[in-house]
C-alpha atoms as a PDB file:
ATOM      1  CA  MET A   1       5.958  -2.041 -24.780  1.00  0.00           C
ATOM      2  CA  ILE A   2       7.154   1.084 -22.999  1.00  0.00           C
ATOM      3  CA  HIS A   3       9.875   2.709 -25.027  1.00  0.00           C
ATOM      4  CA  GLY A   4      10.722   6.080 -26.487  1.00  0.00           C
ATOM      5  CA  VAL A   5       8.859   9.253 -25.597  1.00  0.00           C
ATOM      6  CA  ILE A   6       5.591   8.735 -23.738  1.00  0.00           C
ATOM      7  CA  PRO A   7       3.855  11.980 -22.741  1.00  0.00           C
ATOM      8  CA  ALA A   8       2.360  12.082 -19.253  1.00  0.00           C
ATOM      9  CA  VAL A   9      -0.890  13.172 -20.874  1.00  0.00           C
ATOM     10  CA  LEU A  10      -2.609  16.258 -19.457  1.00  0.00           C
ATOM     11  CA  THR A  11      -6.333  16.057 -18.766  1.00  0.00           C
ATOM     12  CA  PRO A  12      -8.315  19.016 -20.112  1.00  0.00           C
ATOM     13  CA  PHE A  13     -11.140  20.280 -17.902  1.00  0.00           C
ATOM     14  CA  THR A  14     -13.844  22.888 -18.313  1.00  0.00           C
ATOM     15  CA  ALA A  15     -13.850  26.033 -16.179  1.00  0.00           C
ATOM     16  CA  SER A  16     -16.254  24.274 -13.802  1.00  0.00           C
ATOM     17  CA  GLY A  17     -13.965  21.263 -13.385  1.00  0.00           C
ATOM     18  CA  GLU A  18     -15.718  18.812 -15.684  1.00  0.00           C
ATOM     19  CA  LEU A  19     -13.859  16.636 -18.165  1.00  0.00           C
ATOM     20  CA  ASN A  20     -13.466  18.521 -21.473  1.00  0.00           C
ATOM     21  CA  GLU A  21     -14.065  15.688 -23.929  1.00  0.00           C
ATOM     22  CA  LYS A  22     -13.602  17.690 -27.132  1.00  0.00           C
ATOM     23  CA  ALA A  23     -10.290  19.157 -26.004  1.00  0.00           C
ATOM     24  CA  LEU A  24      -9.073  15.733 -24.848  1.00  0.00           C
ATOM     25  CA  ARG A  25      -9.826  14.141 -28.219  1.00  0.00           C
ATOM     26  CA  ASN A  26      -8.014  16.851 -30.152  1.00  0.00           C
ATOM     27  CA  TYR A  27      -5.087  16.815 -27.753  1.00  0.00           C
ATOM     28  CA  VAL A  28      -4.550  13.056 -28.091  1.00  0.00           C
ATOM     29  CA  ASP A  29      -4.449  13.430 -31.874  1.00  0.00           C
ATOM     30  CA  PHE A  30      -1.931  16.280 -31.538  1.00  0.00           C
ATOM     31  CA  LEU A  31       0.433  14.138 -29.451  1.00  0.00           C
ATOM     32  CA  ILE A  32       0.272  11.124 -31.742  1.00  0.00           C
ATOM     33  CA  GLU A  33       0.760  13.236 -34.862  1.00  0.00           C
ATOM     34  CA  LYS A  34       3.965  14.613 -33.305  1.00  0.00           C
ATOM     35  CA  GLY A  35       5.479  11.132 -33.310  1.00  0.00           C
ATOM     36  CA  VAL A  36       5.309  10.056 -29.672  1.00  0.00           C
ATOM     37  CA  HIS A  37       5.745   6.368 -28.888  1.00  0.00           C
ATOM     38  CA  GLY A  38       2.947   5.928 -26.354  1.00  0.00           C
ATOM     39  CA  LEU A  39       0.589   7.701 -23.971  1.00  0.00           C
ATOM     40  CA  PHE A  40       0.575   7.704 -20.168  1.00  0.00           C
ATOM     41  CA  PRO A  41      -2.714   9.298 -19.022  1.00  0.00           C
ATOM     42  CA  LEU A  42      -4.111  10.026 -15.550  1.00  0.00           C
ATOM     43  CA  GLY A  43      -0.848  10.208 -13.650  1.00  0.00           C
ATOM     44  CA  THR A  44       0.525  13.269 -11.868  1.00  0.00           C
ATOM     45  CA  ASN A  45       0.497  15.503 -14.947  1.00  0.00           C
ATOM     46  CA  GLY A  46      -2.865  14.014 -15.873  1.00  0.00           C
ATOM     47  CA  SER A  47      -4.455  15.084 -12.562  1.00  0.00           C
ATOM     48  CA  GLY A  48      -5.613  11.522 -11.968  1.00  0.00           C
ATOM     49  CA  PRO A  49      -5.630  11.752  -8.146  1.00  0.00           C
ATOM     50  CA  LEU A  50      -7.909  14.812  -8.393  1.00  0.00           C
ATOM     51  CA  MET A  51     -10.534  13.039 -10.467  1.00  0.00           C
ATOM     52  CA  SER A  52     -13.520  10.908  -9.556  1.00  0.00           C
ATOM     53  CA  LEU A  53     -13.516   7.265 -10.583  1.00  0.00           C
ATOM     54  CA  GLU A  54     -16.254   8.022 -13.095  1.00  0.00           C
ATOM     55  CA  ASP A  55     -14.240  10.783 -14.781  1.00  0.00           C
ATOM     56  CA  ARG A  56     -11.092   8.661 -14.825  1.00  0.00           C
ATOM     57  CA  LYS A  57     -13.018   5.868 -16.519  1.00  0.00           C
ATOM     58  CA  LYS A  58     -14.515   8.277 -19.026  1.00  0.00           C
ATOM     59  CA  ALA A  59     -11.080   9.691 -19.850  1.00  0.00           C
ATOM     60  CA  ILE A  60      -9.650   6.186 -20.278  1.00  0.00           C
ATOM     61  CA  SER A  61     -12.415   5.256 -22.722  1.00  0.00           C
ATOM     62  CA  ILE A  62     -11.942   8.416 -24.774  1.00  0.00           C
ATOM     63  CA  ILE A  63      -8.165   8.088 -24.970  1.00  0.00           C
ATOM     64  CA  VAL A  64      -8.291   4.404 -25.933  1.00  0.00           C
ATOM     65  CA  GLU A  65     -10.927   5.138 -28.581  1.00  0.00           C
ATOM     66  CA  VAL A  66      -9.118   8.104 -30.132  1.00  0.00           C
ATOM     67  CA  THR A  67      -5.724   6.408 -30.041  1.00  0.00           C
ATOM     68  CA  ASN A  68      -7.168   3.403 -31.866  1.00  0.00           C
ATOM     69  CA  LYS A  69      -3.997   1.313 -31.348  1.00  0.00           C
ATOM     70  CA  ARG A  70      -1.768   3.850 -33.122  1.00  0.00           C
ATOM     71  CA  VAL A  71       0.472   3.837 -30.044  1.00  0.00           C
ATOM     72  CA  PRO A  72       0.259   1.948 -26.743  1.00  0.00           C
ATOM     73  CA  VAL A  73      -1.866   3.449 -23.970  1.00  0.00           C
ATOM     74  CA  ILE A  74      -0.468   2.772 -20.509  1.00  0.00           C
ATOM     75  CA  VAL A  75      -3.151   3.977 -18.104  1.00  0.00           C
ATOM     76  CA  HIS A  76      -2.176   5.133 -14.654  1.00  0.00           C
ATOM     77  CA  ALA A  77      -4.682   3.224 -12.519  1.00  0.00           C
ATOM     78  CA  GLY A  78      -3.178   3.719  -9.072  1.00  0.00           C
ATOM     79  CA  GLY A  79      -5.397   4.773  -6.201  1.00  0.00           C
ATOM     80  CA  ILE A  80      -5.214   5.350  -2.479  1.00  0.00           C
ATOM     81  CA  SER A  81      -7.026   2.045  -1.849  1.00  0.00           C
ATOM     82  CA  THR A  82      -6.529  -1.435  -3.269  1.00  0.00           C
ATOM     83  CA  GLU A  83     -10.195  -1.691  -4.242  1.00  0.00           C
ATOM     84  CA  GLU A  84     -10.091   1.535  -6.247  1.00  0.00           C
ATOM     85  CA  THR A  85      -6.870   0.489  -7.963  1.00  0.00           C
ATOM     86  CA  ILE A  86      -8.284  -2.894  -8.956  1.00  0.00           C
ATOM     87  CA  GLU A  87     -11.472  -1.308 -10.278  1.00  0.00           C
ATOM     88  CA  LEU A  88      -9.566   1.117 -12.503  1.00  0.00           C
ATOM     89  CA  THR A  89      -7.097  -1.515 -13.675  1.00  0.00           C
ATOM     90  CA  GLU A  90      -9.878  -3.922 -14.612  1.00  0.00           C
ATOM     91  CA  TYR A  91     -11.678  -1.115 -16.420  1.00  0.00           C
ATOM     92  CA  ALA A  92      -8.555  -0.185 -18.403  1.00  0.00           C
ATOM     93  CA  ALA A  93      -8.118  -3.819 -19.434  1.00  0.00           C
ATOM     94  CA  ASN A  94     -11.769  -4.209 -20.413  1.00  0.00           C
ATOM     95  CA  VAL A  95     -11.910  -1.123 -22.652  1.00  0.00           C
ATOM     96  CA  GLY A  96      -8.760  -2.000 -24.584  1.00  0.00           C
ATOM     97  CA  ALA A  97      -5.861  -0.148 -22.960  1.00  0.00           C
ATOM     98  CA  ASP A  98      -2.501  -1.801 -23.528  1.00  0.00           C
ATOM     99  CA  ALA A  99      -1.283  -1.778 -19.925  1.00  0.00           C
ATOM    100  CA  ALA A 100      -1.731  -0.160 -16.535  1.00  0.00           C
ATOM    101  CA  ALA A 101       0.803   1.608 -14.366  1.00  0.00           C
ATOM    102  CA  VAL A 102       0.218   1.383 -10.635  1.00  0.00           C
ATOM    103  CA  VAL A 103       1.737   3.819  -8.171  1.00  0.00           C
ATOM    104  CA  ALA A 104       2.236   2.961  -4.528  1.00  0.00           C
ATOM    105  CA  PRO A 105      -0.843   3.994  -2.521  1.00  0.00           C
ATOM    106  CA  TRP A 106      -0.356   7.453  -1.078  1.00  0.00           C
ATOM    107  CA  TYR A 107      -1.049   9.365   2.174  1.00  0.00           C
ATOM    108  CA  PHE A 108      -0.647   6.447   4.614  1.00  0.00           C
ATOM    109  CA  PRO A 109       2.865   5.071   5.195  1.00  0.00           C
ATOM    110  CA  HIS A 110       3.053   1.434   4.073  1.00  0.00           C
ATOM    111  CA  ASP A 111       5.768  -1.098   4.802  1.00  0.00           C
ATOM    112  CA  ASP A 112       7.034  -3.596   2.236  1.00  0.00           C
ATOM    113  CA  ILE A 113       4.633  -6.286   3.423  1.00  0.00           C
ATOM    114  CA  SER A 114       1.638  -4.021   2.825  1.00  0.00           C
ATOM    115  CA  LEU A 115       2.941  -2.910  -0.559  1.00  0.00           C
ATOM    116  CA  GLU A 116       3.529  -6.496  -1.611  1.00  0.00           C
ATOM    117  CA  LEU A 117      -0.033  -7.422  -0.650  1.00  0.00           C
ATOM    118  CA  HIS A 118      -1.392  -4.415  -2.545  1.00  0.00           C
ATOM    119  CA  PHE A 119       0.465  -5.007  -5.803  1.00  0.00           C
ATOM    120  CA  THR A 120      -0.163  -8.743  -5.637  1.00  0.00           C
ATOM    121  CA  ALA A 121      -3.910  -8.165  -5.297  1.00  0.00           C
ATOM    122  CA  VAL A 122      -3.939  -5.792  -8.264  1.00  0.00           C
ATOM    123  CA  ALA A 123      -1.834  -7.961 -10.562  1.00  0.00           C
ATOM    124  CA  THR A 124      -3.718 -11.171  -9.763  1.00  0.00           C
ATOM    125  CA  ALA A 125      -7.053  -9.431 -10.435  1.00  0.00           C
ATOM    126  CA  VAL A 126      -6.003  -9.032 -14.102  1.00  0.00           C
ATOM    127  CA  PRO A 127      -3.564 -11.917 -14.653  1.00  0.00           C
ATOM    128  CA  SER A 128      -3.273 -11.517 -18.438  1.00  0.00           C
ATOM    129  CA  PHE A 129      -3.000  -7.706 -18.438  1.00  0.00           C
ATOM    130  CA  PRO A 130       0.440  -6.018 -18.392  1.00  0.00           C
ATOM    131  CA  ILE A 131       1.202  -4.089 -15.198  1.00  0.00           C
ATOM    132  CA  TYR A 132       3.956  -1.542 -14.679  1.00  0.00           C
ATOM    133  CA  LEU A 133       4.995  -0.515 -11.201  1.00  0.00           C
ATOM    134  CA  TYR A 134       5.361   3.226 -10.658  1.00  0.00           C
ATOM    135  CA  ASN A 135       7.782   4.698  -8.140  1.00  0.00           C
ATOM    136  CA  ILE A 136       7.352   8.360  -7.207  1.00  0.00           C
ATOM    137  CA  PRO A 137       8.216   8.544  -3.503  1.00  0.00           C
ATOM    138  CA  GLY A 138       8.178  12.343  -3.448  1.00  0.00           C
ATOM    139  CA  ASN A 139       4.418  12.279  -4.093  1.00  0.00           C
ATOM    140  CA  ALA A 140       3.263   8.872  -2.892  1.00  0.00           C
ATOM    141  CA  LYS A 141       5.439   8.990   0.266  1.00  0.00           C
ATOM    142  CA  ASN A 142       5.985   5.258  -0.195  1.00  0.00           C
ATOM    143  CA  ASP A 143       9.148   4.014  -1.878  1.00  0.00           C
ATOM    144  CA  LEU A 144       9.308   0.856  -4.001  1.00  0.00           C
ATOM    145  CA  LYS A 145      12.615  -0.668  -3.025  1.00  0.00           C
ATOM    146  CA  PRO A 146      14.493  -2.684  -5.671  1.00  0.00           C
ATOM    147  CA  LYS A 147      14.302  -5.843  -3.544  1.00  0.00           C
ATOM    148  CA  LEU A 148      10.510  -5.587  -3.426  1.00  0.00           C
ATOM    149  CA  VAL A 149      10.279  -4.819  -7.144  1.00  0.00           C
ATOM    150  CA  LYS A 150      12.281  -7.947  -7.970  1.00  0.00           C
ATOM    151  CA  LYS A 151      10.166 -10.066  -5.606  1.00  0.00           C
ATOM    152  CA  LEU A 152       6.955  -8.848  -7.246  1.00  0.00           C
ATOM    153  CA  ALA A 153       8.286  -9.361 -10.773  1.00  0.00           C
ATOM    154  CA  ASP A 154       9.503 -12.867  -9.940  1.00  0.00           C
ATOM    155  CA  LYS A 155       6.131 -14.036  -8.636  1.00  0.00           C
ATOM    156  CA  LEU A 156       3.738 -12.077 -10.879  1.00  0.00           C
ATOM    157  CA  SER A 157       4.208 -12.807 -14.577  1.00  0.00           C
ATOM    158  CA  ASN A 158       2.157  -9.826 -15.779  1.00  0.00           C
ATOM    159  CA  ILE A 159       4.454  -7.262 -14.159  1.00  0.00           C
ATOM    160  CA  LYS A 160       6.450  -5.999 -17.116  1.00  0.00           C
ATOM    161  CA  GLY A 161       8.598  -3.220 -15.695  1.00  0.00           C
ATOM    162  CA  ILE A 162       8.651   0.027 -13.782  1.00  0.00           C
ATOM    163  CA  LYS A 163       8.428   3.771 -14.246  1.00  0.00           C
ATOM    164  CA  ASP A 164      10.877   5.480 -11.897  1.00  0.00           C
ATOM    165  CA  SER A 165      10.248   9.102 -10.954  1.00  0.00           C
ATOM    166  CA  SER A 166      12.620   9.167  -8.000  1.00  0.00           C
ATOM    167  CA  LYS A 167      15.041  11.420  -9.975  1.00  0.00           C
ATOM    168  CA  ASP A 168      17.802   9.198  -8.609  1.00  0.00           C
ATOM    169  CA  LEU A 169      20.014   7.622 -11.285  1.00  0.00           C
ATOM    170  CA  ALA A 170      21.436   5.141  -8.802  1.00  0.00           C
ATOM    171  CA  ARG A 171      17.919   3.893  -8.029  1.00  0.00           C
ATOM    172  CA  LEU A 172      17.088   3.687 -11.744  1.00  0.00           C
ATOM    173  CA  GLN A 173      20.217   1.606 -12.293  1.00  0.00           C
ATOM    174  CA  ASP A 174      19.230  -0.651  -9.377  1.00  0.00           C
ATOM    175  CA  TYR A 175      15.871  -1.360 -11.029  1.00  0.00           C
ATOM    176  CA  ILE A 176      17.537  -2.163 -14.340  1.00  0.00           C
ATOM    177  CA  ALA A 177      19.981  -4.485 -12.583  1.00  0.00           C
ATOM    178  CA  VAL A 178      17.486  -6.428 -10.460  1.00  0.00           C
ATOM    179  CA  LEU A 179      14.881  -6.819 -13.221  1.00  0.00           C
ATOM    180  CA  GLY A 180      17.311  -7.799 -15.966  1.00  0.00           C
ATOM    181  CA  GLU A 181      16.415  -8.625 -19.569  1.00  0.00           C
ATOM    182  CA  GLY A 182      12.806  -8.673 -20.677  1.00  0.00           C
ATOM    183  CA  TYR A 183      11.575  -5.800 -18.509  1.00  0.00           C
ATOM    184  CA  ASP A 184      10.979  -2.160 -19.411  1.00  0.00           C
ATOM    185  CA  VAL A 185      12.433   0.471 -17.091  1.00  0.00           C
ATOM    186  CA  VAL A 186      11.518   4.054 -17.989  1.00  0.00           C
ATOM    187  CA  VAL A 187      12.649   7.271 -16.372  1.00  0.00           C
ATOM    188  CA  GLY A 188      10.005   9.703 -15.158  1.00  0.00           C
ATOM    189  CA  THR A 189      11.896  12.980 -15.473  1.00  0.00           C
ATOM    190  CA  ASP A 190      12.915  14.817 -18.644  1.00  0.00           C
ATOM    191  CA  ALA A 191      16.130  16.050 -17.014  1.00  0.00           C
ATOM    192  CA  LEU A 192      17.696  12.568 -17.023  1.00  0.00           C
ATOM    193  CA  VAL A 193      16.743  11.069 -20.378  1.00  0.00           C
ATOM    194  CA  TYR A 194      20.247  10.906 -21.871  1.00  0.00           C
ATOM    195  CA  PRO A 195      21.925   9.282 -18.843  1.00  0.00           C
ATOM    196  CA  ALA A 196      18.920   7.015 -18.281  1.00  0.00           C
ATOM    197  CA  LEU A 197      19.093   5.687 -21.839  1.00  0.00           C
ATOM    198  CA  ALA A 198      22.841   5.191 -21.428  1.00  0.00           C
ATOM    199  CA  MET A 199      22.156   3.056 -18.350  1.00  0.00           C
ATOM    200  CA  GLY A 200      19.677   0.889 -20.231  1.00  0.00           C
ATOM    201  CA  ALA A 201      16.314   2.562 -19.691  1.00  0.00           C
ATOM    202  CA  THR A 202      13.916   2.084 -22.584  1.00  0.00           C
ATOM    203  CA  GLY A 203      12.365   5.548 -22.601  1.00  0.00           C
ATOM    204  CA  VAL A 204      10.833   8.434 -20.708  1.00  0.00           C
ATOM    205  CA  VAL A 205       7.380   9.320 -19.439  1.00  0.00           C
ATOM    206  CA  SER A 206       7.693  12.956 -20.338  1.00  0.00           C
ATOM    207  CA  ALA A 207       6.206  16.166 -18.996  1.00  0.00           C
ATOM    208  CA  VAL A 208       7.880  18.375 -21.619  1.00  0.00           C
ATOM    209  CA  GLY A 209       6.428  15.969 -24.174  1.00  0.00           C
ATOM    210  CA  ASN A 210       2.957  17.109 -23.152  1.00  0.00           C
ATOM    211  CA  CYS A 211       3.346  20.398 -25.000  1.00  0.00           C
ATOM    212  CA  PHE A 212       6.578  20.117 -26.991  1.00  0.00           C
ATOM    213  CA  PRO A 213       6.742  16.426 -27.921  1.00  0.00           C
ATOM    214  CA  GLU A 214       9.016  17.160 -30.858  1.00  0.00           C
ATOM    215  CA  VAL A 215      11.773  18.306 -28.481  1.00  0.00           C
ATOM    216  CA  MET A 216      11.804  14.982 -26.666  1.00  0.00           C
ATOM    217  CA  VAL A 217      11.294  12.828 -29.773  1.00  0.00           C
ATOM    218  CA  GLU A 218      14.289  14.491 -31.431  1.00  0.00           C
ATOM    219  CA  LEU A 219      16.404  13.751 -28.344  1.00  0.00           C
ATOM    220  CA  TYR A 220      15.357  10.105 -28.257  1.00  0.00           C
ATOM    221  CA  ASP A 221      15.830   9.627 -31.996  1.00  0.00           C
ATOM    222  CA  ALA A 222      19.326  11.127 -31.862  1.00  0.00           C
ATOM    223  CA  TYR A 223      20.326   8.771 -29.061  1.00  0.00           C
ATOM    224  CA  VAL A 224      18.929   5.696 -30.820  1.00  0.00           C
ATOM    225  CA  ALA A 225      20.690   6.706 -34.045  1.00  0.00           C
ATOM    226  CA  GLY A 226      23.983   6.807 -32.167  1.00  0.00           C
ATOM    227  CA  ASP A 227      24.488  10.552 -32.518  1.00  0.00           C
ATOM    228  CA  LEU A 228      25.453  10.970 -28.906  1.00  0.00           C
ATOM    229  CA  GLU A 229      26.837  14.476 -29.245  1.00  0.00           C
ATOM    230  CA  LYS A 230      23.565  15.702 -30.719  1.00  0.00           C
ATOM    231  CA  ALA A 231      21.585  13.793 -28.082  1.00  0.00           C
ATOM    232  CA  LYS A 232      23.621  15.423 -25.325  1.00  0.00           C
ATOM    233  CA  GLU A 233      22.994  18.893 -26.782  1.00  0.00           C
ATOM    234  CA  LEU A 234      19.287  18.129 -27.042  1.00  0.00           C
ATOM    235  CA  GLN A 235      19.246  16.987 -23.412  1.00  0.00           C
ATOM    236  CA  TYR A 236      20.550  20.393 -22.359  1.00  0.00           C
ATOM    237  CA  ARG A 237      17.868  22.015 -24.525  1.00  0.00           C
ATOM    238  CA  ALA A 238      15.177  19.840 -22.946  1.00  0.00           C
ATOM    239  CA  ASN A 239      16.418  20.921 -19.519  1.00  0.00           C
ATOM    240  CA  LYS A 240      16.005  24.579 -20.477  1.00  0.00           C
ATOM    241  CA  VAL A 241      12.477  23.944 -21.732  1.00  0.00           C
ATOM    242  CA  ARG A 242      11.706  22.071 -18.530  1.00  0.00           C
ATOM    243  CA  ASP A 243      12.932  24.987 -16.425  1.00  0.00           C
ATOM    244  CA  VAL A 244      10.709  27.468 -18.267  1.00  0.00           C
ATOM    245  CA  LEU A 245       7.700  25.186 -17.823  1.00  0.00           C
ATOM    246  CA  LYS A 246       8.208  25.134 -14.071  1.00  0.00           C
ATOM    247  CA  LEU A 247       7.423  28.848 -13.760  1.00  0.00           C
ATOM    248  CA  GLY A 248       4.159  29.493 -11.943  1.00  0.00           C
ATOM    249  CA  SER A 249       1.549  27.107 -10.601  1.00  0.00           C
ATOM    250  CA  TYR A 250       2.204  23.342 -10.662  1.00  0.00           C
ATOM    251  CA  ILE A 251       1.306  21.657 -14.001  1.00  0.00           C
ATOM    252  CA  THR A 252      -0.577  24.756 -15.246  1.00  0.00           C
ATOM    253  CA  PRO A 253       2.297  26.073 -17.431  1.00  0.00           C
ATOM    254  CA  TYR A 254       1.933  23.014 -19.668  1.00  0.00           C
ATOM    255  CA  TYR A 255      -1.680  23.935 -20.396  1.00  0.00           C
ATOM    256  CA  GLU A 256      -0.693  27.531 -21.091  1.00  0.00           C
ATOM    257  CA  ALA A 257       2.165  26.465 -23.388  1.00  0.00           C
ATOM    258  CA  LEU A 258      -0.321  24.514 -25.487  1.00  0.00           C
ATOM    259  CA  LYS A 259      -2.670  27.495 -25.647  1.00  0.00           C
ATOM    260  CA  LEU A 260       0.210  29.682 -26.824  1.00  0.00           C
ATOM    261  CA  GLN A 261       0.583  27.254 -29.741  1.00  0.00           C
ATOM    262  CA  GLY A 262      -3.116  27.531 -30.575  1.00  0.00           C
ATOM    263  CA  ILE A 263      -4.042  24.173 -29.043  1.00  0.00           C
ATOM    264  CA  ASP A 264      -7.059  23.991 -26.754  1.00  0.00           C
ATOM    265  CA  ALA A 265      -5.923  22.070 -23.688  1.00  0.00           C
ATOM    266  CA  GLY A 266      -8.847  23.110 -21.521  1.00  0.00           C
ATOM    267  CA  GLU A 267      -8.316  24.240 -17.933  1.00  0.00           C
ATOM    268  CA  VAL A 268      -6.766  22.812 -14.794  1.00  0.00           C
ATOM    269  CA  LYS A 269      -8.899  21.447 -11.993  1.00  0.00           C
ATOM    270  CA  LEU A 270      -9.005  22.983  -8.522  1.00  0.00           C
ATOM    271  CA  PRO A 271      -7.082  23.108  -6.268  1.00  0.00           C
ATOM    272  CA  LEU A 272      -4.641  23.631  -9.149  1.00  0.00           C
ATOM    273  CA  ARG A 273      -4.997  27.210 -10.346  1.00  0.00           C
ATOM    274  CA  PRO A 274      -4.613  29.182 -13.586  1.00  0.00           C
ATOM    275  CA  LEU A 275      -1.517  31.284 -14.135  1.00  0.00           C
ATOM    276  CA  THR A 276      -1.623  34.981 -13.370  1.00  0.00           C
ATOM    277  CA  ASP A 277      -1.179  37.441 -16.242  1.00  0.00           C
ATOM    278  CA  THR A 278       2.377  38.112 -15.066  1.00  0.00           C
ATOM    279  CA  GLU A 279       3.159  34.384 -14.999  1.00  0.00           C
ATOM    280  CA  LYS A 280       1.676  33.930 -18.469  1.00  0.00           C
ATOM    281  CA  GLU A 281       3.864  36.675 -19.881  1.00  0.00           C
ATOM    282  CA  THR A 282       6.980  35.296 -18.199  1.00  0.00           C
ATOM    283  CA  LEU A 283       6.208  31.882 -19.660  1.00  0.00           C
ATOM    284  CA  ARG A 284       5.607  33.309 -23.126  1.00  0.00           C
ATOM    285  CA  LYS A 285       8.908  35.222 -23.116  1.00  0.00           C
ATOM    286  CA  GLY A 286      10.785  32.174 -21.909  1.00  0.00           C
ATOM    287  CA  LEU A 287       9.370  30.009 -24.710  1.00  0.00           C
ATOM    288  CA  VAL A 288      10.058  32.720 -27.304  1.00  0.00           C
ATOM    289  CA  ASN A 289      13.665  32.886 -26.137  1.00  0.00           C
ATOM    290  CA  LEU A 290      13.939  29.137 -26.775  1.00  0.00           C
ATOM    291  CA  ASN A 291      12.434  29.557 -30.276  1.00  0.00           C
ATOM    292  CA  LEU A 292       9.445  27.429 -29.351  1.00  0.00           C
ATOM    293  CA  LEU A 293       6.859  30.074 -30.258  1.00  0.00           C
END
């Protein structure tokens, strides 16, 4: 199910921090029309941890409705508590999402026994719904070790793979090795798409794909077509785009890059902040230099 380029969908907000439904609907159409292979809403780029359960549910419903099965929707349903995670996962299943991704609970340190209990409770609550584990230890502060991932996959038939945002190719390879055939392993950083695909990953949950999906789709298509030299060149280009989009406040440059293309992506939600005028101009010049504007 998870393959190709899957944008880590941004969530548009109003200036007062409410969900911007109109902007979200238009944005989902924009991504799909650019040829992406799936959508991954409400994760890090999607500001999911900043949102109330009610707003996350509303966003899920809108995205599933607008997508209308044109591409798979893999909803990030992870929460700080098991109860919250189960509630969101059940909701995603009930409204027609294609799968849920579940990050390790954050803030508190959890050992492998606790993590196993957590993921087992979530997966067994929706036994016929596909679940993807999500490893991002830099944010969650809890690492999903390959041994635990294999144990969970062996005992829970609805676990279908993992998204790895550790930025560690050795760890990605470990996941591919322990899971084996029949599981999807996707990389969670645009900087490593080419080597990840070479190792056997099935795709990328992409931040660059939020605002320049064509850049990442071209890279993926070149690799799949066997044009490895072109794919390698496009990986270097993606890295340059990624670097420009890291200028300024976290996540916010992606919103601004969409606005510079005439696409209403709404606003970020506090405590994330808008870019300053100087940051906006630096971003614009960087994108112009890459022939993206």
